[in-house]
Amino acid sequence: QVQLVESGGGLVQPGGSLRLSCAASGSIFSIYVMGWYRQAPGKQRELVATISAVGTTNYADSVKGRFIISRDNAKKSVYLQMNSLKPEDTAVYYCNAHRAFQPDSWGQGTQVTVSS
């Protein structure tokens, strides 16, 4: 079991940047696949990016080239650097921890609003 707390969301203009952070506690962080998901009003929750225990990354096509996911196992944290933000990036962003044969853990979410 791992507990997750997101931070770093806020209001930003189109073309701007934000860096989201997710702090983990309560378990062995380094063995989990970590991910960021987002959900906009009226839409399903969608995968944004994942990073494996050894640093292999995967991105949704909609954010590829703009977002960067990273992790610091010593700090038990995962980050999402979001650049060139668009209004369609507006959503609640959730941190996720995944381990085989274990229920996923989710953070409480942090709001990202991209608007001029």
C-alpha atoms as a PDB file:
ATOM      1  CA  GLN A   1       0.000   0.000   0.000  1.00  0.00           C
ATOM      2  CA  VAL A   2       1.246   3.450  -0.919  1.00  0.00           C
ATOM      3  CA  GLN A   3      -0.240   6.857  -0.177  1.00  0.00           C
ATOM      4  CA  LEU A   4       0.070   9.596  -2.801  1.00  0.00           C
ATOM      5  CA  VAL A   5      -0.254  13.368  -2.526  1.00  0.00           C
ATOM      6  CA  GLU A   6      -0.150  15.632  -5.588  1.00  0.00           C
ATOM      7  CA  SER A   7       0.798  19.286  -5.695  1.00  0.00           C
ATOM      8  CA  GLY A   8       1.709  21.973  -8.209  1.00  0.00           C
ATOM      9  CA  GLY A   9      -1.544  22.523 -10.057  1.00  0.00           C
ATOM     10  CA  GLY A  10      -2.918  25.944 -10.813  1.00  0.00           C
ATOM     11  CA  LEU A  11      -3.928  28.447 -13.460  1.00  0.00           C
ATOM     12  CA  VAL A  12      -1.625  29.047 -16.403  1.00  0.00           C
ATOM     13  CA  GLN A  13      -1.917  30.786 -19.769  1.00  0.00           C
ATOM     14  CA  PRO A  14      -1.764  28.850 -23.040  1.00  0.00           C
ATOM     15  CA  GLY A  15       1.844  28.182 -23.953  1.00  0.00           C
ATOM     16  CA  GLY A  16       2.922  28.263 -20.340  1.00  0.00           C
ATOM     17  CA  SER A  17       4.394  25.572 -18.114  1.00  0.00           C
ATOM     18  CA  LEU A  18       3.629  23.831 -14.845  1.00  0.00           C
ATOM     19  CA  ARG A  19       5.423  21.164 -12.849  1.00  0.00           C
ATOM     20  CA  LEU A  20       3.328  18.679 -10.897  1.00  0.00           C
ATOM     21  CA  SER A  21       4.748  16.705  -7.996  1.00  0.00           C
ATOM     22  CA  CYS A  22       3.563  13.522  -6.327  1.00  0.00           C
ATOM     23  CA  ALA A  23       4.950  12.452  -2.972  1.00  0.00           C
ATOM     24  CA  ALA A  24       4.620   8.811  -1.939  1.00  0.00           C
ATOM     25  CA  SER A  25       4.736   7.169   1.460  1.00  0.00           C
ATOM     26  CA  GLY A  26       3.855   3.920   3.176  1.00  0.00           C
ATOM     27  CA  SER A  27       5.513   1.371   0.886  1.00  0.00           C
ATOM     28  CA  ILE A  28       8.585   0.502  -1.164  1.00  0.00           C
ATOM     29  CA  PHE A  29       8.379   3.186  -3.831  1.00  0.00           C
ATOM     30  CA  SER A  30      11.084   1.980  -6.195  1.00  0.00           C
ATOM     31  CA  ILE A  31       9.232  -1.153  -7.361  1.00  0.00           C
ATOM     32  CA  TYR A  32       6.103   0.660  -8.571  1.00  0.00           C
ATOM     33  CA  VAL A  33       5.235   1.830 -12.037  1.00  0.00           C
ATOM     34  CA  MET A  34       4.192   5.447 -11.563  1.00  0.00           C
ATOM     35  CA  GLY A  35       1.814   7.372 -13.749  1.00  0.00           C
ATOM     36  CA  TRP A  36      -0.121  10.553 -14.287  1.00  0.00           C
ATOM     37  CA  TYR A  37      -3.739  10.506 -15.419  1.00  0.00           C
ATOM     38  CA  ARG A  38      -6.185  13.313 -16.027  1.00  0.00           C
ATOM     39  CA  GLN A  39      -9.926  13.782 -16.171  1.00  0.00           C
ATOM     40  CA  ALA A  40     -11.808  16.714 -17.651  1.00  0.00           C
ATOM     41  CA  PRO A  41     -15.509  17.369 -17.002  1.00  0.00           C
ATOM     42  CA  GLY A  42     -17.665  15.050 -19.089  1.00  0.00           C
ATOM     43  CA  LYS A  43     -14.723  12.921 -20.160  1.00  0.00           C
ATOM     44  CA  GLN A  44     -13.228   9.621 -19.046  1.00  0.00           C
ATOM     45  CA  ARG A  45     -10.044   9.528 -17.056  1.00  0.00           C
ATOM     46  CA  GLU A  46      -7.150   9.119 -19.473  1.00  0.00           C
ATOM     47  CA  LEU A  47      -3.536   8.126 -19.171  1.00  0.00           C
ATOM     48  CA  VAL A  48      -1.056  10.959 -19.605  1.00  0.00           C
ATOM     49  CA  ALA A  49       2.301   9.328 -18.917  1.00  0.00           C
ATOM     50  CA  THR A  50       3.921   6.430 -17.073  1.00  0.00           C
ATOM     51  CA  ILE A  51       7.409   5.666 -15.870  1.00  0.00           C
ATOM     52  CA  SER A  52       8.627   2.220 -14.870  1.00  0.00           C
ATOM     53  CA  ALA A  53      10.791   1.249 -11.920  1.00  0.00           C
ATOM     54  CA  VAL A  54      13.849   1.461 -14.169  1.00  0.00           C
ATOM     55  CA  GLY A  55      12.891   4.708 -15.875  1.00  0.00           C
ATOM     56  CA  THR A  56      11.163   3.568 -19.065  1.00  0.00           C
ATOM     57  CA  THR A  57       8.596   6.200 -20.073  1.00  0.00           C
ATOM     58  CA  ASN A  58       5.366   6.121 -22.033  1.00  0.00           C
ATOM     59  CA  TYR A  59       3.246   9.079 -23.155  1.00  0.00           C
ATOM     60  CA  ALA A  60      -0.173   9.667 -24.601  1.00  0.00           C
ATOM     61  CA  ASP A  61       0.049  10.955 -28.162  1.00  0.00           C
ATOM     62  CA  SER A  62      -1.691  14.166 -27.129  1.00  0.00           C
ATOM     63  CA  VAL A  63       1.144  15.166 -24.783  1.00  0.00           C
ATOM     64  CA  LYS A  64       4.165  13.574 -26.452  1.00  0.00           C
ATOM     65  CA  GLY A  65       6.905  16.128 -26.966  1.00  0.00           C
ATOM     66  CA  ARG A  66       5.339  18.575 -24.501  1.00  0.00           C
ATOM     67  CA  PHE A  67       5.246  16.706 -21.177  1.00  0.00           C
ATOM     68  CA  ILE A  68       8.057  14.917 -19.349  1.00  0.00           C
ATOM     69  CA  ILE A  69       7.561  12.399 -16.550  1.00  0.00           C
ATOM     70  CA  SER A  70      10.388  11.671 -14.125  1.00  0.00           C
ATOM     71  CA  ARG A  71      10.950  10.048 -10.756  1.00  0.00           C
ATOM     72  CA  ASP A  72      13.317  10.300  -7.832  1.00  0.00           C
ATOM     73  CA  ASN A  73      13.294   7.036  -5.911  1.00  0.00           C
ATOM     74  CA  ALA A  74      15.409   8.454  -3.092  1.00  0.00           C
ATOM     75  CA  LYS A  75      12.771  11.136  -2.511  1.00  0.00           C
ATOM     76  CA  LYS A  76       9.863   8.773  -3.257  1.00  0.00           C
ATOM     77  CA  SER A  77       8.496  11.291  -5.722  1.00  0.00           C
ATOM     78  CA  VAL A  78       7.287  11.447  -9.299  1.00  0.00           C
ATOM     79  CA  TYR A  79       7.002  14.607 -11.381  1.00  0.00           C
ATOM     80  CA  LEU A  80       5.241  15.806 -14.493  1.00  0.00           C
ATOM     81  CA  GLN A  81       6.793  18.741 -16.303  1.00  0.00           C
ATOM     82  CA  MET A  82       4.136  20.227 -18.573  1.00  0.00           C
ATOM     83  CA  ASN A  83       5.246  22.604 -21.308  1.00  0.00           C
ATOM     84  CA  SER A  84       3.450  24.370 -24.154  1.00  0.00           C
ATOM     85  CA  LEU A  85       0.168  23.948 -22.337  1.00  0.00           C
ATOM     86  CA  LYS A  86      -3.082  24.104 -24.276  1.00  0.00           C
ATOM     87  CA  PRO A  87      -6.638  24.797 -23.095  1.00  0.00           C
ATOM     88  CA  GLU A  88      -7.481  21.157 -23.798  1.00  0.00           C
ATOM     89  CA  ASP A  89      -4.964  20.160 -21.122  1.00  0.00           C
ATOM     90  CA  THR A  90      -7.356  21.564 -18.518  1.00  0.00           C
ATOM     91  CA  ALA A  91      -8.285  18.734 -16.149  1.00  0.00           C
ATOM     92  CA  VAL A  92      -7.814  17.273 -12.717  1.00  0.00           C
ATOM     93  CA  TYR A  93      -4.502  15.443 -12.736  1.00  0.00           C
ATOM     94  CA  TYR A  94      -4.065  12.301 -10.650  1.00  0.00           C
ATOM     95  CA  CYS A  95      -0.946  10.480  -9.557  1.00  0.00           C
ATOM     96  CA  ASN A  96      -1.048   6.683  -9.810  1.00  0.00           C
ATOM     97  CA  ALA A  97       1.071   3.864  -8.410  1.00  0.00           C
ATOM     98  CA  HIS A  98       0.857   0.415  -9.977  1.00  0.00           C
ATOM     99  CA  ARG A  99       2.305  -2.916  -8.937  1.00  0.00           C
ATOM    100  CA  ALA A 100       1.516  -6.312 -10.429  1.00  0.00           C
ATOM    101  CA  PHE A 101      -1.291  -8.155  -8.640  1.00  0.00           C
ATOM    102  CA  GLN A 102      -1.953  -5.182  -6.349  1.00  0.00           C
ATOM    103  CA  PRO A 103      -4.773  -2.626  -6.384  1.00  0.00           C
ATOM    104  CA  ASP A 104      -3.659   0.693  -7.824  1.00  0.00           C
ATOM    105  CA  SER A 105      -3.143   3.653  -5.519  1.00  0.00           C
ATOM    106  CA  TRP A 106      -4.399   7.122  -6.447  1.00  0.00           C
ATOM    107  CA  GLY A 107      -3.762  10.605  -5.186  1.00  0.00           C
ATOM    108  CA  GLN A 108      -6.493  13.122  -4.449  1.00  0.00           C
ATOM    109  CA  GLY A 109      -5.935  15.050  -7.662  1.00  0.00           C
ATOM    110  CA  THR A 110      -4.759  18.559  -8.462  1.00  0.00           C
ATOM    111  CA  GLN A 111      -6.534  21.002 -10.769  1.00  0.00           C
ATOM    112  CA  VAL A 112      -4.751  22.331 -13.836  1.00  0.00           C
ATOM    113  CA  THR A 113      -6.501  25.115 -15.714  1.00  0.00           C
ATOM    114  CA  VAL A 114      -5.087  26.498 -18.963  1.00  0.00           C
ATOM    115  CA  SER A 115      -6.853  29.695 -19.935  1.00  0.00           C
ATOM    116  CA  SER A 116      -6.165  33.211 -21.091  1.00  0.00           C
END
